[in-house]
Protein backbone atom coordinates (compact mmCIF):
# COMPACT_ATOMS: atom_id res chain seq x y z
CA MET A 1 15.11 -15.14 5.36
CA GLN A 2 16.18 -12.81 8.18
CA GLN A 3 17.44 -10.31 5.62
CA LYS A 4 14.23 -10.60 3.62
CA ILE A 5 12.12 -10.00 6.72
CA ALA A 6 14.23 -6.98 7.67
CA ALA A 7 13.90 -5.58 4.14
CA GLU A 8 10.11 -6.00 4.15
CA PHE A 9 9.86 -4.43 7.61
CA LEU A 10 11.92 -1.40 6.59
CA GLY A 11 10.18 -1.03 3.23
CA THR A 12 6.68 -1.12 4.71
CA PHE A 13 7.78 1.21 7.50
CA TRP A 14 9.02 3.71 4.93
CA LEU A 15 5.87 3.41 2.81
CA THR A 16 3.66 4.06 5.85
CA PHE A 17 5.84 6.77 7.34
CA GLY A 18 6.29 8.60 4.04
CA GLY A 19 2.80 8.16 2.62
CA CYS A 20 0.66 8.42 5.73
CA GLY A 21 3.03 10.96 7.23
CA SER A 22 2.49 13.24 4.25
CA ALA A 23 -1.29 12.85 4.64
CA ILE A 24 -1.32 13.48 8.38
CA LEU A 25 1.32 16.18 8.71
CA SER A 26 1.47 17.99 5.37
CA ALA A 27 -1.66 17.50 3.24
CA ALA A 28 -3.76 20.26 4.79
CA PHE A 29 -1.05 22.44 6.31
CA PRO A 30 -2.46 26.00 6.26
CA GLY A 31 -1.48 27.98 3.20
CA MET A 32 0.98 25.52 1.74
CA GLY A 33 -0.37 21.99 2.17
CA ILE A 34 0.56 19.39 -0.43
CA GLY A 35 -3.03 18.18 -0.98
CA PHE A 36 -4.15 14.92 -2.55
CA ALA A 37 -1.61 15.11 -5.36
CA GLY A 38 1.26 15.51 -2.92
CA VAL A 39 0.09 12.57 -0.82
CA ALA A 40 -0.25 10.38 -3.91
CA LEU A 41 3.26 11.30 -5.00
CA ALA A 42 4.64 10.60 -1.52
CA PHE A 43 3.31 7.06 -1.61
CA GLY A 44 4.77 6.49 -5.05
CA LEU A 45 8.15 7.91 -4.05
CA SER A 46 8.30 5.81 -0.89
CA VAL A 47 7.87 2.60 -2.89
CA LEU A 48 10.22 3.72 -5.67
CA THR A 49 13.08 4.67 -3.33
CA MET A 50 12.88 1.65 -1.06
CA SER A 51 12.46 -0.72 -4.02
CA TYR A 52 15.84 0.41 -5.31
CA ALA A 53 17.29 0.13 -1.79
CA VAL A 54 16.16 -3.38 -0.83
CA GLY A 55 14.45 -4.86 -3.89
CA SER A 56 17.41 -7.13 -4.55
CA ILE A 57 16.99 -8.63 -1.07
CA SER A 58 13.26 -9.33 -0.71
CA GLY A 59 11.70 -8.34 -4.02
CA ALA A 60 10.26 -5.16 -2.45
CA HIS A 61 6.69 -6.28 -1.79
CA PHE A 62 5.83 -4.05 1.21
CA ASN A 63 2.22 -5.19 0.83
CA PRO A 64 0.46 -8.49 1.73
CA ALA A 65 -1.63 -8.26 -1.46
CA ILE A 66 1.53 -8.23 -3.57
CA THR A 67 3.06 -11.07 -1.55
CA VAL A 68 -0.03 -13.27 -1.92
CA GLY A 69 -0.34 -12.31 -5.58
CA LEU A 70 3.26 -13.25 -6.35
CA TRP A 71 2.78 -16.56 -4.55
CA VAL A 72 -0.37 -17.25 -6.60
CA GLY A 73 1.58 -16.23 -9.70
CA GLY A 74 4.30 -18.75 -8.95
CA ARG A 75 6.94 -16.14 -8.13
CA MET A 76 7.67 -17.10 -4.51
CA PRO A 77 7.42 -20.17 -2.25
CA GLY A 78 4.42 -20.55 0.00
CA LEU A 79 6.59 -20.88 3.12
CA ASP A 80 7.74 -17.27 2.67
CA VAL A 81 4.25 -15.75 2.57
CA LEU A 82 3.46 -15.62 6.30
CA PRO A 83 6.88 -14.26 7.41
CA TYR A 84 6.62 -11.55 4.76
CA ILE A 85 3.13 -10.52 5.88
CA ILE A 86 4.10 -10.44 9.56
CA ALA A 87 7.09 -8.23 8.76
CA GLN A 88 4.93 -5.91 6.65
CA VAL A 89 2.27 -5.48 9.32
CA ALA A 90 4.94 -4.92 11.97
CA GLY A 91 6.69 -2.28 9.86
CA ALA A 92 3.44 -0.42 9.21
CA THR A 93 2.46 -0.54 12.88
CA VAL A 94 5.79 0.81 14.14
CA ALA A 95 5.66 3.60 11.55
CA ALA A 96 2.09 4.48 12.60
CA ALA A 97 3.14 4.55 16.25
CA ILE A 98 5.96 7.00 15.49
CA LEU A 99 3.63 9.17 13.41
CA ALA A 100 1.13 9.17 16.28
CA LEU A 101 3.85 10.36 18.62
CA ILE A 102 4.85 13.16 16.25
CA ALA A 103 1.29 14.25 15.44
CA SER A 104 0.25 14.24 19.09
CA GLY A 105 2.50 17.27 19.56
CA ARG A 106 0.03 19.36 17.55
CA PRO A 107 -2.91 21.03 19.32
CA GLY A 108 -6.24 19.53 18.30
CA PHE A 109 -4.78 16.22 17.15
CA GLU A 110 -7.37 13.43 16.78
CA LEU A 111 -6.65 9.73 16.38
CA GLY A 112 -9.15 9.49 13.53
CA GLU A 113 -6.72 11.43 11.34
CA PHE A 114 -4.62 8.27 11.12
CA ALA A 115 -7.20 6.36 9.13
CA ALA A 116 -5.87 5.04 5.84
CA ASN A 117 -9.22 3.42 5.09
CA GLY A 118 -12.90 4.11 5.40
CA TYR A 119 -16.31 3.94 3.70
CA GLY A 120 -19.64 5.53 4.44
CA ALA A 121 -19.27 8.27 7.04
CA LEU A 122 -15.53 7.53 7.32
CA SER A 123 -14.91 8.01 3.59
CA PRO A 124 -13.52 11.48 2.66
CA GLY A 125 -16.30 11.79 0.06
CA GLN A 126 -18.76 9.64 2.06
CA TYR A 127 -18.74 6.95 -0.63
CA SER A 128 -20.68 3.72 -0.13
CA LEU A 129 -19.44 0.28 0.86
CA LEU A 130 -19.86 -0.92 -2.72
CA ALA A 131 -17.81 1.98 -4.07
CA ALA A 132 -15.04 1.21 -1.56
CA LEU A 133 -15.02 -2.48 -2.48
CA VAL A 134 -14.81 -1.75 -6.20
CA VAL A 135 -12.09 0.91 -6.06
CA GLU A 136 -9.89 -1.12 -3.69
CA THR A 137 -10.29 -4.32 -5.72
CA VAL A 138 -9.66 -2.67 -9.10
CA GLY A 139 -6.74 -0.63 -7.79
CA THR A 140 -4.99 -3.66 -6.32
CA PHE A 141 -5.72 -5.74 -9.42
CA PHE A 142 -3.74 -3.32 -11.56
CA LEU A 143 -1.03 -2.85 -8.94
CA VAL A 144 -0.28 -6.58 -8.79
CA PHE A 145 -0.76 -7.06 -12.53
CA ILE A 146 1.80 -4.34 -13.25
CA VAL A 147 4.22 -5.65 -10.61
CA MET A 148 4.05 -9.08 -12.22
CA ARG A 149 4.52 -7.78 -15.76
CA VAL A 150 7.38 -5.34 -15.11
CA THR A 151 9.33 -7.97 -13.18
CA THR A 152 8.85 -10.78 -15.67
CA PRO A 153 11.87 -12.03 -17.64
CA GLY A 154 12.34 -9.85 -20.70
CA ALA A 155 11.03 -6.65 -19.10
CA ALA A 156 13.28 -3.59 -19.22
CA PRO A 157 15.84 -4.12 -16.43
CA GLY A 158 16.12 -1.50 -13.72
CA PHE A 159 12.84 0.28 -14.47
CA ALA A 160 10.42 -1.83 -12.41
CA PRO A 161 10.57 0.41 -9.29
CA ILE A 162 9.69 3.46 -11.39
CA ALA A 163 6.69 1.72 -12.98
CA VAL A 164 5.43 0.41 -9.65
CA GLY A 165 5.92 3.74 -7.88
CA LEU A 166 4.04 5.62 -10.59
CA THR A 167 1.28 3.00 -10.54
CA LEU A 168 0.78 3.51 -6.82
CA THR A 169 0.75 7.28 -7.34
CA LEU A 170 -1.97 6.98 -9.99
CA ILE A 171 -4.06 4.67 -7.82
CA HIS A 172 -3.96 7.22 -5.00
CA LEU A 173 -4.87 10.08 -7.33
CA VAL A 174 -8.03 8.18 -8.28
CA SER A 175 -9.14 6.67 -4.99
CA ILE A 176 -8.14 8.97 -2.10
CA PRO A 177 -11.59 10.65 -2.08
CA VAL A 178 -13.29 7.25 -1.89
CA THR A 179 -11.37 5.35 0.81
CA ASN A 180 -8.23 7.41 1.53
CA THR A 181 -6.70 4.58 -0.54
CA SER A 182 -5.43 1.37 0.95
CA VAL A 183 -4.64 -1.32 -1.66
CA ASN A 184 -2.35 -2.52 1.15
CA PRO A 185 -3.71 -4.45 4.15
CA ALA A 186 -0.55 -3.90 6.20
CA ARG A 187 -0.72 -0.13 5.90
CA SER A 188 -4.42 -0.15 6.74
CA THR A 189 -3.86 -2.32 9.80
CA GLY A 190 -0.98 -0.27 11.18
CA THR A 191 -2.85 3.02 10.99
CA ALA A 192 -6.24 1.61 12.05
CA LEU A 193 -4.72 0.51 15.35
CA PHE A 194 -4.30 4.20 16.19
CA ALA A 195 -7.46 5.52 14.54
CA GLY A 196 -10.12 4.09 16.84
CA THR A 197 -12.80 1.42 16.94
CA ASP A 198 -14.77 2.66 13.93
CA TYR A 199 -11.80 2.13 11.61
CA LEU A 200 -10.93 -1.25 13.10
CA MET A 201 -14.49 -2.41 12.43
CA GLN A 202 -14.07 -1.55 8.74
CA LEU A 203 -10.64 -3.14 8.45
CA TRP A 204 -12.05 -6.39 7.03
CA LEU A 205 -12.75 -4.68 3.70
CA PHE A 206 -9.17 -3.46 3.42
CA TRP A 207 -7.90 -7.01 3.68
CA LEU A 208 -10.59 -8.68 1.57
CA ALA A 209 -10.66 -6.31 -1.42
CA PRO A 210 -6.87 -5.93 -1.90
CA LEU A 211 -6.24 -9.67 -1.50
CA ALA A 212 -9.01 -10.54 -3.96
CA GLY A 213 -7.85 -7.94 -6.47
CA GLY A 214 -4.24 -9.01 -6.10
CA ILE A 215 -4.99 -12.69 -6.64
CA VAL A 216 -7.00 -12.00 -9.81
CA GLY A 217 -4.33 -9.59 -11.03
CA ALA A 218 -1.67 -12.27 -10.59
CA TRP A 219 -3.74 -14.85 -12.46
CA VAL A 220 -4.27 -12.49 -15.39
CA ALA A 221 -0.62 -11.41 -15.44
CA ARG A 222 0.51 -15.03 -15.40
CA GLY A 223 -1.78 -15.81 -18.30
CA VAL A 224 -0.38 -13.05 -20.49
CA ARG A 225 2.09 -14.39 -23.03
CA VAL A 226 4.38 -12.18 -25.08
CA THR A 227 5.26 -13.64 -28.46
CA ALA A 228 8.60 -12.63 -29.90
CA LYS A 229 8.42 -11.03 -33.34
């Protein structure tokens, strides 16, 4: 369990540092910023690389919604759920703290730039609460559904990290303008701690929607049966 906790801590740290770091430091860099597409790819690459690095140890969840979904789907024991989630939140928080330290060296830095979640006035496109709920729920549904299906017995071995990384990239390409994309309560919590009161007050949605979407995604994935020809 100690090795699993360490793997989840490091994996969620890398996801937050790589994904949020690209958004905070590189997305709008004058003249050569990576933009939304670059940020989306950074999140996908962070999951892909760390999944290959530590997936054999912990299963490479890096996300409370995936952990809860896999538990609901019968893929992990209930006693492991809370330690995994604590490690994930801790990893995201430490990564956000380091990013805050780096970004604070830039003139004009504002804590609100750390937000990985938001609706209404805090949404990049000023989308509504309903829009945020729908996009976060649907995005996490498909994330957990795909995780379950590509790791099921009989799936192509060795390709699961690629499928999951590309799934996360696609989710970000769709939903960054709506919520800055969460689909991960740990990442949202870590960054919200440094983004200010307004973001902390909206944090409930970025736990509720991903967990709900992940649970339903796991149920559907578990119900899918592949019949051999």
